Amino acid sequence: MAELLQIEDFKPHVGKIFRFKGTRFAFPLDRIIGENQPTPAGMKRQPFILIFRAPKEHEYLPDGIYECEIEGGPTHSMYVNPIQTPAPEWQEYQAVFA
């Protein structure tokens, strides 16, 4: 069984490009939400959310499971979905790890 991904697996990749295999999309990892939070009792890892930021386009990356190739790093499989983004020039996406 593969180990659960942790915040530490992604911290070095903030600002790097993640390429979503099978699509034309590639976005930088903008930030990680959940850092410096305690691990809740009974959980196997500290929950966290990766936030990717892309320029607003007519077409967007549909939600789904993608193999994500990290610029200069490993590839991880994760569920990614677009999220409500207040800034009119940006579209944000998230990957939630609970």
C-alpha atoms as a PDB file:
ATOM      1  CA  MET A   1       0.000   0.000   0.000  1.00  0.00           C
ATOM      2  CA  ALA A   2       1.347   3.439  -0.936  1.00  0.00           C
ATOM      3  CA  GLU A   3       2.059   5.962   1.808  1.00  0.00           C
ATOM      4  CA  LEU A   4      -0.356   8.846   2.255  1.00  0.00           C
ATOM      5  CA  LEU A   5       0.869  12.081   0.743  1.00  0.00           C
ATOM      6  CA  GLN A   6       1.700  14.733   3.329  1.00  0.00           C
ATOM      7  CA  ILE A   7       2.039  18.525   3.278  1.00  0.00           C
ATOM      8  CA  GLU A   8       5.811  18.049   3.343  1.00  0.00           C
ATOM      9  CA  ASP A   9       5.596  16.265  -0.017  1.00  0.00           C
ATOM     10  CA  PHE A  10       4.339  19.497  -1.620  1.00  0.00           C
ATOM     11  CA  LYS A  11       5.994  22.367   0.305  1.00  0.00           C
ATOM     12  CA  PRO A  12       9.115  22.347  -1.898  1.00  0.00           C
ATOM     13  CA  HIS A  13       6.905  22.617  -4.997  1.00  0.00           C
ATOM     14  CA  VAL A  14       4.995  25.839  -4.208  1.00  0.00           C
ATOM     15  CA  GLY A  15       5.436  28.065  -7.265  1.00  0.00           C
ATOM     16  CA  LYS A  16       6.324  25.155  -9.546  1.00  0.00           C
ATOM     17  CA  ILE A  17       4.238  24.069 -12.527  1.00  0.00           C
ATOM     18  CA  PHE A  18       2.020  20.990 -12.254  1.00  0.00           C
ATOM     19  CA  ARG A  19       1.147  19.397 -15.613  1.00  0.00           C
ATOM     20  CA  PHE A  20      -2.107  17.462 -15.773  1.00  0.00           C
ATOM     21  CA  LYS A  21      -1.466  14.431 -17.997  1.00  0.00           C
ATOM     22  CA  GLY A  22      -3.875  13.923 -20.855  1.00  0.00           C
ATOM     23  CA  THR A  23      -4.774  17.633 -20.949  1.00  0.00           C
ATOM     24  CA  ARG A  24      -3.241  20.847 -22.236  1.00  0.00           C
ATOM     25  CA  PHE A  25      -3.373  22.353 -18.746  1.00  0.00           C
ATOM     26  CA  ALA A  26      -0.399  23.229 -16.555  1.00  0.00           C
ATOM     27  CA  PHE A  27      -0.707  25.493 -13.498  1.00  0.00           C
ATOM     28  CA  PRO A  28       1.574  26.667 -10.718  1.00  0.00           C
ATOM     29  CA  LEU A  29       0.926  25.535  -7.165  1.00  0.00           C
ATOM     30  CA  ASP A  30      -0.027  28.890  -5.629  1.00  0.00           C
ATOM     31  CA  ARG A  31      -0.338  27.929  -1.969  1.00  0.00           C
ATOM     32  CA  ILE A  32      -1.095  25.231   0.566  1.00  0.00           C
ATOM     33  CA  ILE A  33      -3.915  25.658   3.063  1.00  0.00           C
ATOM     34  CA  GLY A  34      -3.675  23.791   6.347  1.00  0.00           C
ATOM     35  CA  GLU A  35      -0.042  24.369   7.233  1.00  0.00           C
ATOM     36  CA  ASN A  36       0.749  24.703  10.943  1.00  0.00           C
ATOM     37  CA  GLN A  37      -2.528  23.062  11.945  1.00  0.00           C
ATOM     38  CA  PRO A  38      -2.566  20.135  14.363  1.00  0.00           C
ATOM     39  CA  THR A  39      -3.527  16.689  13.097  1.00  0.00           C
ATOM     40  CA  PRO A  40      -7.068  15.964  14.346  1.00  0.00           C
ATOM     41  CA  ALA A  41      -7.444  12.985  16.655  1.00  0.00           C
ATOM     42  CA  GLY A  42      -7.993   9.764  14.744  1.00  0.00           C
ATOM     43  CA  MET A  43      -6.704  11.141  11.419  1.00  0.00           C
ATOM     44  CA  LYS A  44      -3.725   9.575   9.667  1.00  0.00           C
ATOM     45  CA  ARG A  45      -2.403  12.885   8.381  1.00  0.00           C
ATOM     46  CA  GLN A  46      -2.825  16.600   8.764  1.00  0.00           C
ATOM     47  CA  PRO A  47      -5.565  17.638   6.294  1.00  0.00           C
ATOM     48  CA  PHE A  48      -4.460  20.132   3.648  1.00  0.00           C
ATOM     49  CA  ILE A  49      -5.535  21.701   0.374  1.00  0.00           C
ATOM     50  CA  LEU A  50      -3.364  22.511  -2.622  1.00  0.00           C
ATOM     51  CA  ILE A  51      -4.476  25.644  -4.478  1.00  0.00           C
ATOM     52  CA  PHE A  52      -3.448  26.085  -8.115  1.00  0.00           C
ATOM     53  CA  ARG A  53      -3.911  29.403  -9.936  1.00  0.00           C
ATOM     54  CA  ALA A  54      -4.393  29.836 -13.675  1.00  0.00           C
ATOM     55  CA  PRO A  55      -5.396  32.711 -15.928  1.00  0.00           C
ATOM     56  CA  LYS A  56      -9.152  32.828 -16.542  1.00  0.00           C
ATOM     57  CA  GLU A  57     -10.007  31.191 -19.877  1.00  0.00           C
ATOM     58  CA  HIS A  58     -13.201  30.194 -21.628  1.00  0.00           C
ATOM     59  CA  GLU A  59     -12.229  26.524 -21.212  1.00  0.00           C
ATOM     60  CA  TYR A  60     -11.247  25.117 -17.816  1.00  0.00           C
ATOM     61  CA  LEU A  61      -9.839  21.879 -16.450  1.00  0.00           C
ATOM     62  CA  PRO A  62     -12.834  19.665 -15.551  1.00  0.00           C
ATOM     63  CA  ASP A  63     -12.854  18.028 -12.143  1.00  0.00           C
ATOM     64  CA  GLY A  64     -11.370  14.569 -12.047  1.00  0.00           C
ATOM     65  CA  ILE A  65      -8.441  12.401 -11.079  1.00  0.00           C
ATOM     66  CA  TYR A  66      -5.250  13.377 -12.874  1.00  0.00           C
ATOM     67  CA  GLU A  67      -1.660  12.245 -12.944  1.00  0.00           C
ATOM     68  CA  CYS A  68       0.108  15.478 -12.032  1.00  0.00           C
ATOM     69  CA  GLU A  69       3.705  15.868 -13.151  1.00  0.00           C
ATOM     70  CA  ILE A  70       5.526  18.361 -10.961  1.00  0.00           C
ATOM     71  CA  GLU A  71       8.162  20.516 -12.644  1.00  0.00           C
ATOM     72  CA  GLY A  72      11.513  19.069 -11.547  1.00  0.00           C
ATOM     73  CA  GLY A  73       9.799  16.614  -9.237  1.00  0.00           C
ATOM     74  CA  PRO A  74       7.666  13.505  -8.931  1.00  0.00           C
ATOM     75  CA  THR A  75       4.270  12.606 -10.376  1.00  0.00           C
ATOM     76  CA  HIS A  76       1.264  12.123  -8.095  1.00  0.00           C
ATOM     77  CA  SER A  77      -2.303  11.069  -8.798  1.00  0.00           C
ATOM     78  CA  MET A  78      -4.874  13.445  -7.288  1.00  0.00           C
ATOM     79  CA  TYR A  79      -8.444  14.623  -7.606  1.00  0.00           C
ATOM     80  CA  VAL A  80      -8.503  18.243  -8.821  1.00  0.00           C
ATOM     81  CA  ASN A  81     -11.513  20.503  -9.247  1.00  0.00           C
ATOM     82  CA  PRO A  82     -12.159  24.133 -10.179  1.00  0.00           C
ATOM     83  CA  ILE A  83     -13.325  26.354  -7.323  1.00  0.00           C
ATOM     84  CA  GLN A  84     -15.158  29.661  -7.026  1.00  0.00           C
ATOM     85  CA  THR A  85     -12.552  32.353  -7.634  1.00  0.00           C
ATOM     86  CA  PRO A  86     -13.472  35.974  -6.847  1.00  0.00           C
ATOM     87  CA  ALA A  87     -10.688  37.573  -8.930  1.00  0.00           C
ATOM     88  CA  PRO A  88     -12.003  38.019 -12.493  1.00  0.00           C
ATOM     89  CA  GLU A  89      -8.599  37.400 -14.113  1.00  0.00           C
ATOM     90  CA  TRP A  90      -7.899  34.076 -12.309  1.00  0.00           C
ATOM     91  CA  GLN A  91      -9.346  30.598 -12.040  1.00  0.00           C
ATOM     92  CA  GLU A  92      -8.296  28.560  -9.041  1.00  0.00           C
ATOM     93  CA  TYR A  93      -8.334  24.793  -8.649  1.00  0.00           C
ATOM     94  CA  GLN A  94      -7.975  22.666  -5.550  1.00  0.00           C
ATOM     95  CA  ALA A  95      -6.802  19.230  -4.523  1.00  0.00           C
ATOM     96  CA  VAL A  96      -8.010  18.241  -1.050  1.00  0.00           C
ATOM     97  CA  PHE A  97      -6.151  15.743   1.132  1.00  0.00           C
ATOM     98  CA  ALA A  98      -8.040  14.723   4.283  1.00  0.00           C
END
